């Protein structure tokens, strides 16, 4: 069974930083892509950043220049470094992964990020 476990969320003041981690229960090289989504109360889940198995990264406009997604294949973990956080970044952040060949999509349980003004 594939599991994605997020960690690193918390409460920070505006301008602060957090690093989220997503640890997979299998080798992440079996995923074609991994990414981070977020969902704020009353809003739809939205993509934040993604990284392909080849290391190509994409970012939402709101994350560009402040967030960095990376992966450590030796630890089977994907990270989201978030700098200069804003209250608008407050949301539950979810890790997701798409399995190569099958296209199966997996989600973690999420980690809460709260940014105060």
N, C-alpha and C. Protein backbone atom coordinates (compact mmCIF):
# COMPACT_ATOMS: atom_id res chain seq x y z
N UNK A 1 0.84 -1.18 0.00
CA UNK A 1 0.00 0.00 0.00
C UNK A 1 0.89 1.24 0.00
N UNK A 2 0.57 2.15 -0.89
CA UNK A 2 1.35 3.38 -1.00
C UNK A 2 0.86 4.38 0.02
N UNK A 3 1.79 4.94 0.77
CA UNK A 3 1.45 5.97 1.73
C UNK A 3 2.34 7.19 1.54
N UNK A 4 1.74 8.35 1.69
CA UNK A 4 2.46 9.61 1.67
C UNK A 4 2.20 10.28 3.01
N UNK A 5 3.25 10.64 3.72
CA UNK A 5 3.10 11.21 5.05
C UNK A 5 3.76 12.58 5.07
N UNK A 6 2.93 13.60 5.28
CA UNK A 6 3.43 14.97 5.33
C UNK A 6 3.81 15.34 6.76
N UNK A 7 4.75 16.26 6.86
CA UNK A 7 5.14 16.82 8.15
C UNK A 7 5.73 18.20 7.91
N UNK A 8 5.92 18.93 8.99
CA UNK A 8 6.58 20.22 8.90
C UNK A 8 5.67 21.43 8.97
N UNK A 9 4.37 21.19 9.02
CA UNK A 9 3.46 22.32 9.13
C UNK A 9 3.54 22.95 10.51
N UNK A 10 2.88 24.08 10.65
CA UNK A 10 2.88 24.77 11.93
C UNK A 10 2.35 26.18 11.80
N UNK A 11 2.56 26.95 12.84
CA UNK A 11 2.10 28.34 12.87
C UNK A 11 3.30 29.26 12.86
N UNK A 12 3.28 30.22 11.96
CA UNK A 12 4.35 31.19 11.86
C UNK A 12 3.76 32.57 11.62
N UNK A 13 4.58 33.57 11.83
CA UNK A 13 4.16 34.93 11.52
C UNK A 13 4.49 35.24 10.07
N UNK A 14 3.80 36.22 9.55
CA UNK A 14 4.06 36.65 8.17
C UNK A 14 5.54 36.98 8.01
N UNK A 15 6.07 36.55 6.88
CA UNK A 15 7.49 36.74 6.62
C UNK A 15 8.35 35.57 7.05
N UNK A 16 7.77 34.65 7.79
CA UNK A 16 8.51 33.49 8.26
C UNK A 16 8.63 32.40 7.21
N UNK A 17 9.26 31.30 7.62
CA UNK A 17 9.51 30.18 6.70
C UNK A 17 9.11 28.86 7.34
N UNK A 18 8.76 27.93 6.49
CA UNK A 18 8.52 26.55 6.91
C UNK A 18 9.01 25.63 5.81
N UNK A 19 9.40 24.43 6.19
CA UNK A 19 9.74 23.42 5.20
C UNK A 19 8.87 22.19 5.43
N UNK A 20 8.06 21.89 4.45
CA UNK A 20 7.21 20.72 4.51
C UNK A 20 7.94 19.53 3.90
N UNK A 21 7.68 18.37 4.47
CA UNK A 21 8.26 17.13 3.96
C UNK A 21 7.15 16.15 3.63
N UNK A 22 7.38 15.34 2.63
CA UNK A 22 6.44 14.30 2.23
C UNK A 22 7.24 13.02 2.06
N UNK A 23 7.09 12.10 2.98
CA UNK A 23 7.81 10.84 2.93
C UNK A 23 6.92 9.76 2.33
N UNK A 24 7.45 9.08 1.32
CA UNK A 24 6.70 8.03 0.65
C UNK A 24 7.09 6.66 1.19
N UNK A 25 6.13 5.74 1.14
CA UNK A 25 6.39 4.39 1.64
C UNK A 25 7.04 3.50 0.59
N UNK A 26 7.17 4.03 -0.63
CA UNK A 26 7.85 3.30 -1.70
C UNK A 26 8.86 4.22 -2.36
N UNK A 27 9.66 3.67 -3.24
CA UNK A 27 10.67 4.48 -3.93
C UNK A 27 9.99 5.55 -4.77
N UNK A 28 10.36 6.80 -4.57
CA UNK A 28 9.68 7.88 -5.29
C UNK A 28 10.03 7.89 -6.76
N UNK A 29 11.05 7.17 -7.14
CA UNK A 29 11.36 7.09 -8.56
C UNK A 29 10.31 6.28 -9.33
N UNK A 30 9.40 5.64 -8.59
CA UNK A 30 8.29 4.95 -9.26
C UNK A 30 7.15 5.90 -9.59
N UNK A 31 7.29 7.15 -9.15
CA UNK A 31 6.29 8.16 -9.46
C UNK A 31 6.74 9.00 -10.64
N UNK A 32 5.82 9.27 -11.54
CA UNK A 32 6.14 10.14 -12.67
C UNK A 32 6.25 11.59 -12.21
N UNK A 33 5.49 11.93 -11.20
CA UNK A 33 5.51 13.30 -10.68
C UNK A 33 4.99 13.29 -9.25
N UNK A 34 5.45 14.28 -8.50
CA UNK A 34 4.95 14.52 -7.16
C UNK A 34 4.68 16.00 -7.01
N UNK A 35 3.83 16.33 -6.06
CA UNK A 35 3.53 17.74 -5.93
C UNK A 35 2.87 18.07 -4.61
N UNK A 36 2.61 19.34 -4.47
CA UNK A 36 1.93 19.87 -3.29
C UNK A 36 0.71 20.65 -3.73
N UNK A 37 -0.39 20.39 -3.04
CA UNK A 37 -1.62 21.15 -3.19
C UNK A 37 -1.94 21.76 -1.83
N UNK A 38 -2.85 22.71 -1.84
CA UNK A 38 -3.31 23.27 -0.58
C UNK A 38 -4.80 23.58 -0.68
N UNK A 39 -5.43 23.58 0.49
CA UNK A 39 -6.85 23.91 0.55
C UNK A 39 -7.12 24.74 1.79
N UNK A 40 -7.62 25.93 1.54
CA UNK A 40 -8.00 26.82 2.63
C UNK A 40 -9.49 26.62 2.93
N UNK A 41 -9.93 26.94 4.13
CA UNK A 41 -11.35 26.78 4.48
C UNK A 41 -12.25 27.51 3.49
N UNK A 42 -13.24 26.79 2.99
CA UNK A 42 -14.19 27.40 2.08
C UNK A 42 -13.69 27.57 0.65
N UNK A 43 -12.51 27.08 0.37
CA UNK A 43 -11.95 27.23 -0.97
C UNK A 43 -11.63 25.87 -1.58
N UNK A 44 -11.48 25.86 -2.89
CA UNK A 44 -11.13 24.63 -3.58
C UNK A 44 -9.65 24.31 -3.39
N UNK A 45 -9.33 23.04 -3.50
CA UNK A 45 -7.95 22.63 -3.43
C UNK A 45 -7.23 23.15 -4.68
N UNK A 46 -6.04 23.69 -4.48
CA UNK A 46 -5.30 24.26 -5.60
C UNK A 46 -3.86 23.77 -5.59
N UNK A 47 -3.30 23.67 -6.78
CA UNK A 47 -1.93 23.22 -6.90
C UNK A 47 -0.97 24.32 -6.43
N UNK A 48 0.09 23.92 -5.78
CA UNK A 48 1.12 24.85 -5.32
C UNK A 48 2.39 24.67 -6.14
N UNK A 49 2.85 23.43 -6.25
CA UNK A 49 4.09 23.15 -6.96
C UNK A 49 4.14 21.68 -7.31
N UNK A 50 4.92 21.35 -8.34
CA UNK A 50 5.09 19.95 -8.72
C UNK A 50 6.52 19.74 -9.20
N UNK A 51 6.93 18.48 -9.16
CA UNK A 51 8.26 18.12 -9.63
C UNK A 51 8.17 16.76 -10.32
N UNK A 52 8.75 16.68 -11.48
CA UNK A 52 8.70 15.42 -12.24
C UNK A 52 9.82 14.48 -11.80
N UNK A 53 9.77 13.27 -12.30
CA UNK A 53 10.83 12.31 -11.95
C UNK A 53 12.17 12.75 -12.52
N UNK A 54 12.10 13.62 -13.52
CA UNK A 54 13.34 14.16 -14.09
C UNK A 54 13.81 15.43 -13.43
N UNK A 55 13.02 15.89 -12.46
CA UNK A 55 13.43 17.08 -11.71
C UNK A 55 12.85 18.39 -12.22
N UNK A 56 12.01 18.32 -13.24
CA UNK A 56 11.40 19.57 -13.74
C UNK A 56 10.37 20.06 -12.74
N UNK A 57 10.41 21.34 -12.44
CA UNK A 57 9.51 21.92 -11.44
C UNK A 57 8.55 22.92 -12.08
N UNK A 58 7.37 23.00 -11.51
CA UNK A 58 6.39 24.01 -11.90
C UNK A 58 5.79 24.59 -10.63
N UNK A 59 5.36 25.84 -10.71
CA UNK A 59 4.82 26.53 -9.54
C UNK A 59 3.57 27.31 -9.91
N UNK A 60 2.70 27.42 -8.92
CA UNK A 60 1.58 28.33 -9.05
C UNK A 60 2.14 29.76 -9.01
N UNK A 61 1.41 30.66 -9.60
CA UNK A 61 1.86 32.06 -9.62
C UNK A 61 2.08 32.57 -8.20
N UNK A 62 1.21 32.16 -7.30
CA UNK A 62 1.29 32.64 -5.91
C UNK A 62 2.53 32.11 -5.19
N UNK A 63 3.08 31.01 -5.69
CA UNK A 63 4.24 30.38 -5.04
C UNK A 63 5.56 30.77 -5.69
N UNK A 64 5.48 31.21 -6.92
CA UNK A 64 6.70 31.52 -7.67
C UNK A 64 7.56 32.54 -6.93
N UNK A 65 8.84 32.20 -6.78
CA UNK A 65 9.77 33.12 -6.14
C UNK A 65 9.82 33.03 -4.63
N UNK A 66 8.85 32.35 -4.03
CA UNK A 66 8.84 32.22 -2.57
C UNK A 66 8.97 30.76 -2.13
N UNK A 67 8.43 29.85 -2.90
CA UNK A 67 8.43 28.43 -2.55
C UNK A 67 9.39 27.67 -3.48
N UNK A 68 9.98 26.62 -2.93
CA UNK A 68 10.85 25.76 -3.72
C UNK A 68 10.53 24.30 -3.44
N UNK A 69 10.22 23.57 -4.49
CA UNK A 69 9.98 22.13 -4.34
C UNK A 69 11.24 21.39 -4.73
N UNK A 70 11.54 20.34 -3.99
CA UNK A 70 12.72 19.54 -4.28
C UNK A 70 12.47 18.10 -3.87
N UNK A 71 13.34 17.22 -4.28
CA UNK A 71 13.18 15.81 -3.95
C UNK A 71 14.52 15.20 -3.60
N UNK A 72 14.48 14.26 -2.68
CA UNK A 72 15.66 13.50 -2.32
C UNK A 72 15.34 12.03 -2.58
N UNK A 73 15.83 11.52 -3.68
CA UNK A 73 15.50 10.15 -4.06
C UNK A 73 16.07 9.13 -3.08
N UNK A 74 17.14 9.48 -2.40
CA UNK A 74 17.75 8.53 -1.45
C UNK A 74 16.90 8.40 -0.18
N UNK A 75 16.11 9.43 0.11
CA UNK A 75 15.25 9.40 1.29
C UNK A 75 13.79 9.21 0.92
N UNK A 76 13.52 9.11 -0.38
CA UNK A 76 12.13 8.96 -0.85
C UNK A 76 11.23 10.03 -0.26
N UNK A 77 11.72 11.24 -0.32
CA UNK A 77 11.03 12.37 0.29
C UNK A 77 11.03 13.57 -0.66
N UNK A 78 9.92 14.25 -0.67
CA UNK A 78 9.79 15.51 -1.42
C UNK A 78 9.59 16.63 -0.40
N UNK A 79 10.17 17.77 -0.71
CA UNK A 79 10.12 18.90 0.21
C UNK A 79 9.45 20.10 -0.46
N UNK A 80 8.92 20.97 0.39
CA UNK A 80 8.43 22.26 -0.07
C UNK A 80 8.96 23.31 0.90
N UNK A 81 9.97 24.03 0.46
CA UNK A 81 10.51 25.12 1.25
C UNK A 81 9.67 26.37 0.98
N UNK A 82 9.12 26.93 2.02
CA UNK A 82 8.24 28.09 1.87
C UNK A 82 8.84 29.26 2.64
N UNK A 83 9.17 30.30 1.91
CA UNK A 83 9.75 31.51 2.50
C UNK A 83 8.81 32.68 2.34
N UNK A 84 9.05 33.71 3.14
CA UNK A 84 8.24 34.92 3.07
C UNK A 84 6.75 34.60 3.07
N UNK A 85 6.35 33.81 4.02
CA UNK A 85 4.95 33.37 4.09
C UNK A 85 4.02 34.54 4.36
N UNK A 86 2.83 34.43 3.79
CA UNK A 86 1.81 35.45 3.92
C UNK A 86 0.56 34.82 4.54
N UNK A 87 -0.28 35.62 5.19
CA UNK A 87 -1.52 35.06 5.76
C UNK A 87 -2.35 34.30 4.72
N UNK A 88 -2.25 34.73 3.47
CA UNK A 88 -3.01 34.06 2.40
C UNK A 88 -2.50 32.65 2.12
N UNK A 89 -1.34 32.30 2.66
CA UNK A 89 -0.80 30.94 2.50
C UNK A 89 -1.40 29.97 3.51
N UNK A 90 -2.18 30.49 4.44
CA UNK A 90 -2.81 29.62 5.44
C UNK A 90 -3.72 28.62 4.75
N UNK A 91 -3.45 27.34 5.00
CA UNK A 91 -4.22 26.26 4.37
C UNK A 91 -3.70 24.92 4.88
N UNK A 92 -4.40 23.89 4.50
CA UNK A 92 -3.88 22.54 4.74
C UNK A 92 -3.15 22.14 3.46
N UNK A 93 -1.93 21.68 3.61
CA UNK A 93 -1.09 21.34 2.47
C UNK A 93 -1.02 19.83 2.31
N UNK A 94 -1.28 19.40 1.08
CA UNK A 94 -1.32 17.97 0.78
C UNK A 94 -0.24 17.59 -0.22
N UNK A 95 0.36 16.46 0.02
CA UNK A 95 1.32 15.88 -0.91
C UNK A 95 0.57 14.93 -1.84
N UNK A 96 0.95 14.92 -3.09
CA UNK A 96 0.33 14.03 -4.05
C UNK A 96 1.39 13.42 -4.94
N UNK A 97 1.08 12.26 -5.48
CA UNK A 97 2.02 11.57 -6.36
C UNK A 97 1.27 10.78 -7.41
N UNK A 98 1.83 10.73 -8.60
CA UNK A 98 1.23 9.98 -9.70
C UNK A 98 2.17 8.85 -10.08
N UNK A 99 1.66 7.63 -9.99
CA UNK A 99 2.48 6.46 -10.26
C UNK A 99 2.74 6.31 -11.75
N UNK A 100 4.00 6.07 -12.05
CA UNK A 100 4.36 5.83 -13.44
C UNK A 100 3.69 4.54 -13.91
N UNK A 101 3.38 4.45 -15.13
CA UNK A 101 2.77 3.28 -15.81
C UNK A 101 1.28 3.15 -15.52
N UNK A 102 0.89 3.13 -14.23
CA UNK A 102 -0.53 2.95 -13.93
C UNK A 102 -1.30 4.26 -13.92
N UNK A 103 -0.61 5.36 -13.65
CA UNK A 103 -1.29 6.64 -13.54
C UNK A 103 -2.07 6.81 -12.25
N UNK A 104 -1.93 5.88 -11.34
CA UNK A 104 -2.64 5.97 -10.08
C UNK A 104 -2.19 7.21 -9.30
N UNK A 105 -3.14 7.87 -8.69
CA UNK A 105 -2.89 9.11 -7.96
C UNK A 105 -3.03 8.86 -6.46
N UNK A 106 -2.07 9.30 -5.69
CA UNK A 106 -2.08 9.11 -4.25
C UNK A 106 -2.01 10.44 -3.54
N UNK A 107 -2.63 10.48 -2.35
CA UNK A 107 -2.65 11.70 -1.55
C UNK A 107 -2.26 11.38 -0.11
N UNK A 108 -1.60 12.34 0.52
CA UNK A 108 -1.35 12.24 1.94
C UNK A 108 -2.52 12.83 2.71
N UNK A 109 -2.40 12.82 4.03
CA UNK A 109 -3.46 13.33 4.90
C UNK A 109 -3.38 14.83 5.08
N UNK A 110 -2.26 15.41 4.75
CA UNK A 110 -2.13 16.85 4.83
C UNK A 110 -1.47 17.32 6.11
N UNK A 111 -0.94 18.54 6.04
CA UNK A 111 -0.35 19.18 7.21
C UNK A 111 -0.79 20.64 7.21
N UNK A 112 -1.15 21.13 8.37
CA UNK A 112 -1.73 22.48 8.47
C UNK A 112 -0.63 23.53 8.56
N UNK A 113 -0.80 24.58 7.77
CA UNK A 113 0.07 25.75 7.82
C UNK A 113 -0.79 26.96 8.15
N UNK A 114 -0.41 27.66 9.20
CA UNK A 114 -1.15 28.85 9.61
C UNK A 114 -0.18 30.02 9.70
N UNK A 115 -0.48 31.08 8.97
CA UNK A 115 0.37 32.26 8.95
C UNK A 115 -0.41 33.43 9.51
N UNK A 116 0.11 34.03 10.54
CA UNK A 116 -0.57 35.16 11.17
C UNK A 116 0.07 36.47 10.74
N UNK A 117 -0.76 37.49 10.70
CA UNK A 117 -0.28 38.81 10.23
C UNK A 117 0.61 39.46 11.29
